[in-house]
Amino acid sequence: MFYQLPNGRVLEISTEQYFLMSDEELDYLLAYNYGDIVENPWHGSILTKHCKTLEDNPEIMRELTDIPGIDKLLDLDIEIEEE
């Protein structure tokens, strides 16, 4: 996650790291101007990253709604529990 210090600088830390930090540690980061100045509102946005599609990685499973019904019925790997 991105955390913006009161001086405007931004740092990237996990939520676990944030919750484990004390007030003294946050004051230390603030005092030493730790972090970057981010002026781009889209910095780190998923909209600017390129995603791999299904064609790029054939190991990604297709959604069940994209599989034709006949393929679902003929799938031999399916485990059916019989009572």
Protein backbone atom coordinates (compact mmCIF):
# COMPACT_ATOMS: atom_id res chain seq x y z
CA MET A 1 0.00 0.00 0.00
CA PHE A 2 1.05 3.60 -0.41
CA TYR A 3 1.25 5.69 2.75
CA GLN A 4 1.57 9.46 2.57
CA LEU A 5 3.48 11.11 5.39
CA PRO A 6 2.30 14.49 6.72
CA ASN A 7 5.10 16.23 4.78
CA GLY A 8 3.68 14.94 1.47
CA ARG A 9 6.23 12.23 0.81
CA VAL A 10 4.90 8.79 -0.13
CA LEU A 11 6.28 5.39 0.79
CA GLU A 12 5.23 1.93 -0.18
CA ILE A 13 4.80 -0.47 2.74
CA SER A 14 2.64 -3.48 3.45
CA THR A 15 -0.33 -3.19 5.76
CA GLU A 16 1.40 -5.52 8.23
CA GLN A 17 4.43 -3.21 8.36
CA TYR A 18 2.18 -0.20 8.90
CA PHE A 19 0.30 -1.81 11.77
CA LEU A 20 3.56 -2.90 13.44
CA MET A 21 5.12 0.60 13.26
CA SER A 22 5.25 2.74 16.35
CA ASP A 23 4.72 6.50 16.47
CA GLU A 24 8.46 6.95 16.95
CA GLU A 25 9.19 5.08 13.72
CA LEU A 26 6.74 7.25 11.80
CA ASP A 27 8.34 10.36 13.32
CA TYR A 28 11.75 9.05 12.24
CA LEU A 29 10.56 8.63 8.64
CA LEU A 30 9.12 12.13 8.72
CA ALA A 31 12.25 13.70 10.23
CA TYR A 32 14.61 12.19 7.64
CA ASN A 33 12.34 12.97 4.65
CA TYR A 34 12.05 9.31 3.79
CA GLY A 35 9.95 8.47 0.74
CA ASP A 36 9.32 9.93 -2.69
CA ILE A 37 7.41 12.96 -3.85
CA VAL A 38 4.64 11.68 -6.11
CA GLU A 39 3.05 14.23 -8.40
CA ASN A 40 1.35 11.81 -10.77
CA PRO A 41 -2.14 10.92 -9.49
CA TRP A 42 -1.97 7.65 -11.46
CA HIS A 43 1.29 6.49 -9.82
CA GLY A 44 1.02 2.78 -9.03
CA SER A 45 -2.44 2.51 -10.57
CA ILE A 46 -3.51 -0.78 -12.07
CA LEU A 47 -4.84 1.21 -15.02
CA THR A 48 -1.29 1.99 -16.17
CA LYS A 49 -0.04 -1.59 -15.89
CA HIS A 50 -0.35 -4.03 -18.76
CA CYS A 51 -2.12 -7.26 -17.92
CA LYS A 52 -1.37 -10.60 -19.45
CA THR A 53 -4.27 -12.06 -21.36
CA LEU A 54 -5.36 -15.68 -21.66
CA GLU A 55 -3.51 -15.98 -24.98
CA ASP A 56 -0.23 -14.84 -23.37
CA ASN A 57 -0.40 -17.48 -20.63
CA PRO A 58 -2.22 -20.70 -21.58
CA GLU A 59 -1.93 -22.02 -18.00
CA ILE A 60 -4.61 -19.58 -16.82
CA MET A 61 -7.91 -21.39 -16.52
CA ARG A 62 -10.88 -20.00 -18.37
CA GLU A 63 -13.98 -18.91 -16.51
CA LEU A 64 -16.67 -21.57 -16.22
CA THR A 65 -19.11 -19.33 -18.06
CA ASP A 66 -16.73 -19.24 -21.06
CA ILE A 67 -16.61 -23.04 -21.40
CA PRO A 68 -19.32 -24.56 -23.61
CA GLY A 69 -21.78 -26.85 -21.83
CA ILE A 70 -20.82 -29.91 -23.85
CA ASP A 71 -17.18 -29.53 -22.78
CA LYS A 72 -18.28 -29.43 -19.15
CA LEU A 73 -20.29 -32.64 -19.60
CA LEU A 74 -17.49 -34.49 -21.39
CA ASP A 75 -14.75 -33.50 -18.92
CA LEU A 76 -13.24 -36.76 -17.66
CA ASP A 77 -11.23 -35.13 -14.88
CA ILE A 78 -14.28 -34.00 -12.94
CA GLU A 79 -14.82 -35.70 -9.59
CA ILE A 80 -18.44 -36.62 -8.94
CA GLU A 81 -19.36 -37.87 -5.51
CA GLU A 82 -22.02 -40.56 -5.61
CA GLU A 83 -24.03 -41.40 -2.53
